Protein backbone atom coordinates (compact mmCIF):
# COMPACT_ATOMS: atom_id res chain seq x y z
CA MET A 1 16.64 -75.65 17.41
CA ARG A 2 19.86 -75.21 19.37
CA ALA A 3 18.02 -76.00 22.60
CA ILE A 4 16.76 -79.32 21.21
CA ILE A 5 20.24 -80.38 20.11
CA LEU A 6 21.74 -79.25 23.41
CA GLY A 7 19.05 -81.23 25.27
CA LEU A 8 19.79 -84.38 23.28
CA VAL A 9 23.52 -84.05 23.92
CA LEU A 10 22.86 -83.44 27.61
CA MET A 11 20.60 -86.51 27.87
CA ALA A 12 23.19 -88.71 26.18
CA ALA A 13 25.96 -87.41 28.45
CA LEU A 14 23.85 -87.86 31.57
CA SER A 15 22.95 -91.41 30.53
CA VAL A 16 26.61 -92.34 30.06
CA ILE A 17 27.52 -90.81 33.42
CA VAL A 18 24.75 -92.65 35.30
CA LEU A 19 25.51 -95.97 33.60
CA SER A 20 29.22 -95.58 34.37
CA ILE A 21 28.54 -95.13 38.07
CA ARG A 22 26.48 -98.31 38.39
CA PRO A 23 28.24 -101.52 39.48
CA GLY A 24 29.92 -103.41 36.67
CA GLY A 25 30.82 -100.39 34.60
CA LEU A 26 29.51 -98.93 31.40
CA ARG A 27 30.08 -102.00 29.24
CA ARG A 28 28.00 -104.29 31.47
CA GLN A 29 25.22 -101.71 31.75
CA LEU A 30 25.04 -101.28 27.99
CA ARG A 31 24.87 -105.06 27.58
CA LEU A 32 21.98 -105.18 30.06
CA ALA A 33 20.24 -102.31 28.25
CA ALA A 34 20.60 -104.18 24.94
CA ARG A 35 19.17 -107.29 26.58
CA ARG A 36 16.18 -105.32 27.84
CA LEU A 37 15.65 -103.75 24.43
CA ARG A 38 15.53 -107.18 22.78
CA LEU A 39 13.07 -108.31 25.45
CA VAL A 40 10.85 -105.26 24.85
CA LEU A 41 10.88 -105.91 21.10
CA LEU A 42 9.95 -109.55 21.64
CA LEU A 43 7.16 -108.76 24.10
CA GLY A 44 5.88 -105.99 21.80
CA GLY A 45 5.64 -108.52 18.98
CA VAL A 46 3.78 -110.93 21.24
CA TYR A 47 1.35 -108.15 22.17
CA LEU A 48 0.83 -107.29 18.52
CA VAL A 49 0.04 -110.91 17.64
CA PHE A 50 -2.35 -111.41 20.57
CA SER A 51 -4.18 -108.11 20.11
CA THR A 52 -4.58 -108.82 16.39
CA ALA A 53 -5.93 -112.30 17.14
CA ILE A 54 -8.36 -110.87 19.68
CA ARG A 55 -9.62 -108.28 17.19
CA VAL A 56 -10.01 -110.88 14.42
CA PHE A 57 -11.66 -113.68 16.41
CA PHE A 58 -13.65 -111.49 18.82
CA PRO A 59 -14.62 -108.33 16.88
CA ASP A 60 -17.13 -107.22 19.51
CA GLY A 61 -17.98 -108.04 23.08
CA TRP A 62 -16.17 -107.99 26.37
CA VAL A 63 -13.17 -109.95 25.07
CA SER A 64 -12.33 -107.24 22.52
CA ASP A 65 -12.77 -104.58 25.23
CA TYR A 66 -10.76 -106.15 28.05
CA GLY A 67 -8.49 -108.59 26.21
CA PRO A 68 -5.71 -106.25 25.00
CA PRO A 69 -5.30 -104.51 28.39
CA ALA A 70 -5.20 -107.90 30.12
CA VAL A 71 -2.53 -109.13 27.69
CA ALA A 72 -0.58 -105.90 28.28
CA LEU A 73 -0.68 -106.41 32.05
CA VAL A 74 0.51 -110.00 31.76
CA LEU A 75 3.35 -108.99 29.42
CA ALA A 76 4.33 -106.10 31.72
CA GLY A 77 4.58 -108.57 34.60
CA ALA A 78 6.68 -110.87 32.45
CA PHE A 79 8.97 -107.96 31.61
CA LEU A 80 9.42 -107.09 35.27
CA VAL A 81 10.42 -110.67 36.04
CA LEU A 82 12.63 -111.30 32.99
CA ALA A 83 14.37 -107.90 32.85
CA GLN A 84 15.96 -108.06 36.30
CA ASP A 85 19.72 -107.69 36.51
CA PRO A 86 21.49 -111.03 36.83
CA ALA A 87 23.44 -111.58 40.02
CA MET A 88 26.92 -110.10 40.03
CA PRO A 89 29.61 -112.77 40.14
CA THR A 90 31.49 -112.80 43.40
CA GLU A 91 35.16 -111.95 43.28
CA ARG A 92 37.37 -114.75 44.55
CA LYS A 93 40.44 -113.89 46.54
CA GLN A 94 43.42 -116.07 45.84
């Protein structure tokens, strides 16, 4: 039990350290992580709706076999495009 708790604490500490090192600091990285989490939740809901519709309207056949994996691939591609880090604003020297 102690090893599990120690592992969780170690993972949290390592995550904070890695996010702090990345450009923009910890606050920006946590904002980006929250943005990606919202995107994952949205795309997961879309997958749930489409897979349910496929199972209801096409209970058997090739659509019910290959439809959900195809939807998952399309949504994974959408995640890769939408979850990219926005460009860092350039610092202006005055």
